[in-house]
Amino acid sequence: MNITYFGHSCFDVEINGKHILFDPFITPNELAKHIDINTVKADYILISHGHFDHIADAVAIANRTGAKVVSNYEIITWLTKQGVTNSHPMNIGGTWKFDFGSVKCVAAVHSSTLPDGTNGGNPMGFIIESSAGNFYYAGDTALTYDMKLIGDYHKIDFSLLPIGDNFTMVVESAITATDFINCKKVIGMHYDTFGFIKIDKQDAIKKFAAAGGELILFEIGETKSIKK
């Protein structure tokens, strides 16, 4: 799979020629000001929760590309009112097969309010399974023992985990999460964007390595190939 990082928690994962865009927050992110959202590809947009730093560019990108937006019922209802016409509502525990593979919604321990203050429903993460490989996109979450269920019932090739602390897991909690999900290859997200979540990147990489894991960090705009 080819993965492109657009900053914060926004990634484009290309699976069998389809572009799956996660949590689009690009335009308001000062660290991503060199990214033109009009060049961002999307066949699907997956949104983990309603906070501004995960949904800011969703309407603009969805309307330009015609991408199908996948999220919880409350967020899809809100996006429909913003003019998004191609969507698929889901909720925690549900699985649906799309043309690139399947999406399973899993619990995330966080909060979720939409930019206008309305209810964003329950936050969630996603397990993506496809012929190109399987991965877990955690969204914004604390460490939770429910993650063991992912390791027990799914073969995960790599995961995308928040590591910025303060609002989500700290690096050490993310390392524990790798034991729960039985996957040591991690792409870090939700760090450095704001003062509250700045990290020492080299120290984080060393801590993962010391625990027998691999922490992969991208430059914004960078594309890497991740193999299962």
C-alpha atoms as a PDB file:
ATOM      1  CA  MET A   1       0.000   0.000   0.000  1.00  0.00           C
ATOM      2  CA  ASN A   2       1.125   3.540  -0.708  1.00  0.00           C
ATOM      3  CA  ILE A   3       0.477   5.903   2.184  1.00  0.00           C
ATOM      4  CA  THR A   4       0.689   9.689   1.989  1.00  0.00           C
ATOM      5  CA  TYR A   5       0.703  11.862   5.106  1.00  0.00           C
ATOM      6  CA  PHE A   6      -1.056  15.229   5.062  1.00  0.00           C
ATOM      7  CA  GLY A   7      -0.343  16.150   8.675  1.00  0.00           C
ATOM      8  CA  HIS A   8      -1.926  15.570  12.090  1.00  0.00           C
ATOM      9  CA  SER A   9      -4.067  12.426  11.628  1.00  0.00           C
ATOM     10  CA  CYS A  10      -4.788  12.799   7.915  1.00  0.00           C
ATOM     11  CA  PHE A  11      -3.531  10.023   5.638  1.00  0.00           C
ATOM     12  CA  ASP A  12      -4.297   8.818   2.144  1.00  0.00           C
ATOM     13  CA  VAL A  13      -3.997   5.041   1.953  1.00  0.00           C
ATOM     14  CA  GLU A  14      -4.040   3.693  -1.597  1.00  0.00           C
ATOM     15  CA  ILE A  15      -5.511   0.198  -1.712  1.00  0.00           C
ATOM     16  CA  ASN A  16      -5.866  -1.611  -5.037  1.00  0.00           C
ATOM     17  CA  GLY A  17      -6.026   1.701  -6.891  1.00  0.00           C
ATOM     18  CA  LYS A  18      -8.571   3.282  -4.530  1.00  0.00           C
ATOM     19  CA  HIS A  19      -7.657   6.273  -2.348  1.00  0.00           C
ATOM     20  CA  ILE A  20      -8.985   6.124   1.213  1.00  0.00           C
ATOM     21  CA  LEU A  21      -8.540   9.453   2.996  1.00  0.00           C
ATOM     22  CA  PHE A  22      -8.680   9.544   6.784  1.00  0.00           C
ATOM     23  CA  ASP A  23      -9.701  12.523   8.952  1.00  0.00           C
ATOM     24  CA  PRO A  24      -9.066  15.412   6.526  1.00  0.00           C
ATOM     25  CA  PHE A  25      -7.592  18.378   8.433  1.00  0.00           C
ATOM     26  CA  ILE A  26      -5.197  20.174   6.088  1.00  0.00           C
ATOM     27  CA  THR A  27      -6.187  23.764   5.283  1.00  0.00           C
ATOM     28  CA  PRO A  28      -6.224  25.053   8.911  1.00  0.00           C
ATOM     29  CA  ASN A  29      -2.982  23.206   9.787  1.00  0.00           C
ATOM     30  CA  GLU A  30      -0.041  25.626   9.627  1.00  0.00           C
ATOM     31  CA  LEU A  31       2.362  22.686   9.322  1.00  0.00           C
ATOM     32  CA  ALA A  32       0.572  21.550   6.141  1.00  0.00           C
ATOM     33  CA  LYS A  33       0.286  24.942   4.433  1.00  0.00           C
ATOM     34  CA  HIS A  34       2.292  23.649   1.452  1.00  0.00           C
ATOM     35  CA  ILE A  35      -0.426  21.064   0.704  1.00  0.00           C
ATOM     36  CA  ASP A  36      -3.055  22.105  -1.854  1.00  0.00           C
ATOM     37  CA  ILE A  37      -6.256  20.263  -0.969  1.00  0.00           C
ATOM     38  CA  ASN A  38      -7.363  20.544  -4.594  1.00  0.00           C
ATOM     39  CA  THR A  39      -4.677  17.970  -5.426  1.00  0.00           C
ATOM     40  CA  VAL A  40      -5.707  15.501  -2.702  1.00  0.00           C
ATOM     41  CA  LYS A  41      -7.216  12.330  -4.134  1.00  0.00           C
ATOM     42  CA  ALA A  42     -10.106  10.531  -2.472  1.00  0.00           C
ATOM     43  CA  ASP A  43     -12.439   7.725  -3.455  1.00  0.00           C
ATOM     44  CA  TYR A  44     -13.492   7.291   0.179  1.00  0.00           C
ATOM     45  CA  ILE A  45     -13.218   9.568   3.214  1.00  0.00           C
ATOM     46  CA  LEU A  46     -13.278   7.912   6.630  1.00  0.00           C
ATOM     47  CA  ILE A  47     -13.930  10.183   9.614  1.00  0.00           C
ATOM     48  CA  SER A  48     -13.257   8.872  13.126  1.00  0.00           C
ATOM     49  CA  HIS A  49     -15.029  11.637  15.078  1.00  0.00           C
ATOM     50  CA  GLY A  50     -16.412  15.136  14.790  1.00  0.00           C
ATOM     51  CA  HIS A  51     -13.660  17.372  16.132  1.00  0.00           C
ATOM     52  CA  PHE A  52     -12.558  20.211  13.839  1.00  0.00           C
ATOM     53  CA  ASP A  53      -9.020  18.837  13.565  1.00  0.00           C
ATOM     54  CA  HIS A  54     -10.393  15.687  11.906  1.00  0.00           C
ATOM     55  CA  ILE A  55     -13.203  16.992   9.716  1.00  0.00           C
ATOM     56  CA  ALA A  56     -12.235  20.526   8.614  1.00  0.00           C
ATOM     57  CA  ASP A  57     -11.747  19.754   4.908  1.00  0.00           C
ATOM     58  CA  ALA A  58     -14.198  16.867   4.620  1.00  0.00           C
ATOM     59  CA  VAL A  59     -16.982  18.751   2.857  1.00  0.00           C
ATOM     60  CA  ALA A  60     -14.681  20.495   0.373  1.00  0.00           C
ATOM     61  CA  ILE A  61     -12.824  17.327  -0.596  1.00  0.00           C
ATOM     62  CA  ALA A  62     -15.949  15.165  -0.691  1.00  0.00           C
ATOM     63  CA  ASN A  63     -17.781  17.604  -2.955  1.00  0.00           C
ATOM     64  CA  ARG A  64     -14.810  18.045  -5.302  1.00  0.00           C
ATOM     65  CA  THR A  65     -13.958  14.351  -5.642  1.00  0.00           C
ATOM     66  CA  GLY A  66     -17.357  12.731  -5.194  1.00  0.00           C
ATOM     67  CA  ALA A  67     -15.789  10.458  -2.571  1.00  0.00           C
ATOM     68  CA  LYS A  68     -18.040   8.304  -0.417  1.00  0.00           C
ATOM     69  CA  VAL A  69     -17.822   9.508   3.184  1.00  0.00           C
ATOM     70  CA  VAL A  70     -17.920   6.809   5.873  1.00  0.00           C
ATOM     71  CA  SER A  71     -18.482   7.713   9.510  1.00  0.00           C
ATOM     72  CA  ASN A  72     -20.985   7.313  12.323  1.00  0.00           C
ATOM     73  CA  TYR A  73     -24.652   8.135  11.837  1.00  0.00           C
ATOM     74  CA  GLU A  74     -24.515  11.510  13.590  1.00  0.00           C
ATOM     75  CA  ILE A  75     -21.571  12.774  11.538  1.00  0.00           C
ATOM     76  CA  ILE A  76     -23.078  11.558   8.272  1.00  0.00           C
ATOM     77  CA  THR A  77     -26.348  13.302   9.135  1.00  0.00           C
ATOM     78  CA  TRP A  78     -24.456  16.533   9.824  1.00  0.00           C
ATOM     79  CA  LEU A  79     -22.395  16.269   6.634  1.00  0.00           C
ATOM     80  CA  THR A  80     -25.536  15.694   4.589  1.00  0.00           C
ATOM     81  CA  LYS A  81     -26.849  19.010   5.897  1.00  0.00           C
ATOM     82  CA  GLN A  82     -23.567  20.595   4.730  1.00  0.00           C
ATOM     83  CA  GLY A  83     -24.217  19.379   1.179  1.00  0.00           C
ATOM     84  CA  VAL A  84     -22.402  16.024   1.076  1.00  0.00           C
ATOM     85  CA  THR A  85     -24.448  13.642  -1.069  1.00  0.00           C
ATOM     86  CA  ASN A  86     -22.377  10.436  -1.201  1.00  0.00           C
ATOM     87  CA  SER A  87     -22.100   8.782   2.194  1.00  0.00           C
ATOM     88  CA  HIS A  88     -22.376   5.563   4.169  1.00  0.00           C
ATOM     89  CA  PRO A  89     -23.344   5.679   7.878  1.00  0.00           C
ATOM     90  CA  MET A  90     -21.891   3.079  10.244  1.00  0.00           C
ATOM     91  CA  ASN A  91     -21.390   2.597  13.953  1.00  0.00           C
ATOM     92  CA  ILE A  92     -19.209   0.731  16.425  1.00  0.00           C
ATOM     93  CA  GLY A  93     -19.276  -3.030  15.926  1.00  0.00           C
ATOM     94  CA  GLY A  94     -20.463  -2.837  12.331  1.00  0.00           C
ATOM     95  CA  THR A  95     -18.609  -4.073   9.238  1.00  0.00           C
ATOM     96  CA  TRP A  96     -19.253  -3.270   5.583  1.00  0.00           C
ATOM     97  CA  LYS A  97     -17.584  -4.478   2.403  1.00  0.00           C
ATOM     98  CA  PHE A  98     -16.574  -1.813  -0.093  1.00  0.00           C
ATOM     99  CA  ASP A  99     -14.806  -2.310  -3.427  1.00  0.00           C
ATOM    100  CA  PHE A 100     -11.331  -1.887  -1.829  1.00  0.00           C
ATOM    101  CA  GLY A 101     -11.982  -4.201   1.138  1.00  0.00           C
ATOM    102  CA  SER A 102     -13.936  -4.186   4.384  1.00  0.00           C
ATOM    103  CA  VAL A 103     -14.275  -1.563   7.117  1.00  0.00           C
ATOM    104  CA  LYS A 104     -15.034  -2.526  10.710  1.00  0.00           C
ATOM    105  CA  CYS A 105     -15.793   0.217  13.226  1.00  0.00           C
ATOM    106  CA  VAL A 106     -14.274  -0.238  16.678  1.00  0.00           C
ATOM    107  CA  ALA A 107     -14.406   1.717  19.916  1.00  0.00           C
ATOM    108  CA  ALA A 108     -12.236   4.750  20.621  1.00  0.00           C
ATOM    109  CA  VAL A 109     -12.189   6.390  24.058  1.00  0.00           C
ATOM    110  CA  HIS A 110     -12.372  10.118  23.375  1.00  0.00           C
ATOM    111  CA  SER A 111     -15.031  12.806  22.871  1.00  0.00           C
ATOM    112  CA  SER A 112     -16.779  14.043  19.725  1.00  0.00           C
ATOM    113  CA  THR A 113     -18.427  17.394  19.057  1.00  0.00           C
ATOM    114  CA  LEU A 114     -18.947  18.810  15.585  1.00  0.00           C
ATOM    115  CA  PRO A 115     -17.596  22.249  14.621  1.00  0.00           C
ATOM    116  CA  ASP A 116     -20.946  23.959  15.275  1.00  0.00           C
ATOM    117  CA  GLY A 117     -21.238  22.383  18.730  1.00  0.00           C
ATOM    118  CA  THR A 118     -23.738  19.664  17.823  1.00  0.00           C
ATOM    119  CA  ASN A 119     -23.412  16.048  18.903  1.00  0.00           C
ATOM    120  CA  GLY A 120     -20.804  14.085  16.960  1.00  0.00           C
ATOM    121  CA  GLY A 121     -21.878  10.666  18.213  1.00  0.00           C
ATOM    122  CA  ASN A 122     -19.399   8.130  19.525  1.00  0.00           C
ATOM    123  CA  PRO A 123     -15.776   8.372  18.360  1.00  0.00           C
ATOM    124  CA  MET A 124     -14.382   5.271  16.726  1.00  0.00           C
ATOM    125  CA  GLY A 125     -11.459   3.652  14.987  1.00  0.00           C
ATOM    126  CA  PHE A 126     -11.393   1.507  11.861  1.00  0.00           C
ATOM    127  CA  ILE A 127     -10.037  -1.917  10.965  1.00  0.00           C
ATOM    128  CA  ILE A 128      -9.414  -2.154   7.237  1.00  0.00           C
ATOM    129  CA  GLU A 129      -9.024  -5.606   5.691  1.00  0.00           C
ATOM    130  CA  SER A 130      -8.106  -6.033   2.043  1.00  0.00           C
ATOM    131  CA  SER A 131      -6.150  -8.232  -0.345  1.00  0.00           C
ATOM    132  CA  ALA A 132      -3.275  -5.725  -0.049  1.00  0.00           C
ATOM    133  CA  GLY A 133      -3.102  -6.051   3.747  1.00  0.00           C
ATOM    134  CA  ASN A 134      -4.896  -5.232   6.976  1.00  0.00           C
ATOM    135  CA  PHE A 135      -4.440  -2.235   9.259  1.00  0.00           C
ATOM    136  CA  TYR A 136      -5.935  -0.504  12.271  1.00  0.00           C
ATOM    137  CA  TYR A 137      -6.569   3.241  12.255  1.00  0.00           C
ATOM    138  CA  ALA A 138      -7.173   4.066  15.910  1.00  0.00           C
ATOM    139  CA  GLY A 139      -8.465   7.616  15.607  1.00  0.00           C
ATOM    140  CA  ASP A 140      -8.143   9.710  18.760  1.00  0.00           C
ATOM    141  CA  THR A 141      -8.179   7.370  21.722  1.00  0.00           C
ATOM    142  CA  ALA A 142      -6.823   6.472  25.104  1.00  0.00           C
ATOM    143  CA  LEU A 143      -5.269   3.071  25.640  1.00  0.00           C
ATOM    144  CA  THR A 144      -8.120   0.647  26.145  1.00  0.00           C
ATOM    145  CA  TYR A 145      -8.273  -3.022  26.991  1.00  0.00           C
ATOM    146  CA  ASP A 146     -10.785  -3.428  24.141  1.00  0.00           C
ATOM    147  CA  MET A 147      -7.777  -3.258  21.818  1.00  0.00           C
ATOM    148  CA  LYS A 148      -6.994  -6.838  22.846  1.00  0.00           C
ATOM    149  CA  LEU A 149     -10.083  -7.925  20.930  1.00  0.00           C
ATOM    150  CA  ILE A 150      -8.481  -6.565  17.766  1.00  0.00           C
ATOM    151  CA  GLY A 151      -5.389  -8.679  18.350  1.00  0.00           C
ATOM    152  CA  ASP A 152      -7.464 -11.731  19.216  1.00  0.00           C
ATOM    153  CA  TYR A 153      -9.713 -11.661  16.152  1.00  0.00           C
ATOM    154  CA  HIS A 154      -7.801  -9.842  13.410  1.00  0.00           C
ATOM    155  CA  LYS A 155      -4.398 -10.128  11.767  1.00  0.00           C
ATOM    156  CA  ILE A 156      -3.075  -6.566  11.661  1.00  0.00           C
ATOM    157  CA  ASP A 157      -0.099  -5.804   9.398  1.00  0.00           C
ATOM    158  CA  PHE A 158       0.408  -2.253  10.668  1.00  0.00           C
ATOM    159  CA  SER A 159      -1.445   0.317  12.734  1.00  0.00           C
ATOM    160  CA  LEU A 160      -1.859   4.079  12.855  1.00  0.00           C
ATOM    161  CA  LEU A 161      -1.809   5.191  16.486  1.00  0.00           C
ATOM    162  CA  PRO A 162      -1.907   8.605  18.180  1.00  0.00           C
ATOM    163  CA  ILE A 163       1.257   9.337  20.171  1.00  0.00           C
ATOM    164  CA  GLY A 164       1.007  13.029  21.117  1.00  0.00           C
ATOM    165  CA  ASP A 165      -0.298  12.651  24.689  1.00  0.00           C
ATOM    166  CA  ASN A 166      -2.550  15.249  26.401  1.00  0.00           C
ATOM    167  CA  PHE A 167      -5.622  14.552  24.211  1.00  0.00           C
ATOM    168  CA  THR A 168      -4.773  10.922  23.338  1.00  0.00           C
ATOM    169  CA  MET A 169      -2.303   8.162  24.133  1.00  0.00           C
ATOM    170  CA  VAL A 170       1.274   8.934  25.060  1.00  0.00           C
ATOM    171  CA  VAL A 171       4.102   7.005  23.379  1.00  0.00           C
ATOM    172  CA  GLU A 172       4.339   4.476  26.221  1.00  0.00           C
ATOM    173  CA  SER A 173       0.608   3.735  26.001  1.00  0.00           C
ATOM    174  CA  ALA A 174       0.874   3.287  22.244  1.00  0.00           C
ATOM    175  CA  ILE A 175       3.654   0.751  22.850  1.00  0.00           C
ATOM    176  CA  THR A 176       1.345  -1.168  25.180  1.00  0.00           C
ATOM    177  CA  ALA A 177      -1.348  -0.992  22.493  1.00  0.00           C
ATOM    178  CA  THR A 178       0.995  -2.800  20.083  1.00  0.00           C
ATOM    179  CA  ASP A 179       1.046  -5.744  22.501  1.00  0.00           C
ATOM    180  CA  PHE A 180      -2.752  -5.751  22.686  1.00  0.00           C
ATOM    181  CA  ILE A 181      -3.245  -5.702  18.908  1.00  0.00           C
ATOM    182  CA  ASN A 182      -0.307  -8.057  18.204  1.00  0.00           C
ATOM    183  CA  CYS A 183       1.259  -5.641  15.747  1.00  0.00           C
ATOM    184  CA  LYS A 184       4.619  -3.964  16.284  1.00  0.00           C
ATOM    185  CA  LYS A 185       4.687  -1.814  13.128  1.00  0.00           C
ATOM    186  CA  VAL A 186       3.177   1.579  13.912  1.00  0.00           C
ATOM    187  CA  ILE A 187       2.662   4.782  11.966  1.00  0.00           C
ATOM    188  CA  GLY A 188       2.482   7.649  14.426  1.00  0.00           C
ATOM    189  CA  MET A 189      -0.159  10.376  14.237  1.00  0.00           C
ATOM    190  CA  HIS A 190      -1.748  13.203  16.228  1.00  0.00           C
ATOM    191  CA  TYR A 191       1.507  14.817  17.347  1.00  0.00           C
ATOM    192  CA  ASP A 192       3.348  18.163  16.904  1.00  0.00           C
ATOM    193  CA  THR A 193       0.384  20.046  15.368  1.00  0.00           C
ATOM    194  CA  PHE A 194      -0.320  22.068  18.516  1.00  0.00           C
ATOM    195  CA  GLY A 195       1.763  23.046  21.523  1.00  0.00           C
ATOM    196  CA  PHE A 196      -0.061  20.553  23.742  1.00  0.00           C
ATOM    197  CA  ILE A 197       1.020  17.550  21.625  1.00  0.00           C
ATOM    198  CA  LYS A 198       4.619  18.279  20.647  1.00  0.00           C
ATOM    199  CA  ILE A 199       6.920  15.279  21.090  1.00  0.00           C
ATOM    200  CA  ASP A 200      10.577  14.337  20.838  1.00  0.00           C
ATOM    201  CA  LYS A 201      10.372  12.246  17.668  1.00  0.00           C
ATOM    202  CA  GLN A 202      13.761  10.583  17.950  1.00  0.00           C
ATOM    203  CA  ASP A 203      13.090   9.640  21.566  1.00  0.00           C
ATOM    204  CA  ALA A 204       9.739   8.138  20.549  1.00  0.00           C
ATOM    205  CA  ILE A 205      11.395   6.065  17.812  1.00  0.00           C
ATOM    206  CA  LYS A 206      13.997   4.809  20.304  1.00  0.00           C
ATOM    207  CA  LYS A 207      11.343   3.839  22.853  1.00  0.00           C
ATOM    208  CA  PHE A 208       9.455   1.792  20.263  1.00  0.00           C
ATOM    209  CA  ALA A 209      12.677   0.100  19.137  1.00  0.00           C
ATOM    210  CA  ALA A 210      13.616  -0.727  22.733  1.00  0.00           C
ATOM    211  CA  ALA A 211      10.253  -2.455  23.109  1.00  0.00           C
ATOM    212  CA  GLY A 212      10.808  -4.491  19.931  1.00  0.00           C
ATOM    213  CA  GLY A 213       8.594  -2.307  17.774  1.00  0.00           C
ATOM    214  CA  GLU A 214       8.935   0.026  14.821  1.00  0.00           C
ATOM    215  CA  LEU A 215       7.605   3.587  14.837  1.00  0.00           C
ATOM    216  CA  ILE A 216       7.316   5.121  11.368  1.00  0.00           C
ATOM    217  CA  LEU A 217       7.032   8.901  11.175  1.00  0.00           C
ATOM    218  CA  PHE A 218       6.334  10.782   7.940  1.00  0.00           C
ATOM    219  CA  GLU A 219       7.174  14.241   6.750  1.00  0.00           C
ATOM    220  CA  ILE A 220       4.014  16.078   5.732  1.00  0.00           C
ATOM    221  CA  GLY A 221       3.412  15.409   2.042  1.00  0.00           C
ATOM    222  CA  GLU A 222       5.628  12.313   2.056  1.00  0.00           C
ATOM    223  CA  THR A 223       4.534   9.011   0.544  1.00  0.00           C
ATOM    224  CA  LYS A 224       5.831   5.642   1.752  1.00  0.00           C
ATOM    225  CA  SER A 225       5.112   2.113   0.598  1.00  0.00           C
ATOM    226  CA  ILE A 226       4.042  -0.176   3.454  1.00  0.00           C
ATOM    227  CA  LYS A 227       4.018  -3.909   2.794  1.00  0.00           C
ATOM    228  CA  LYS A 228       2.134  -6.564   4.731  1.00  0.00           C
END
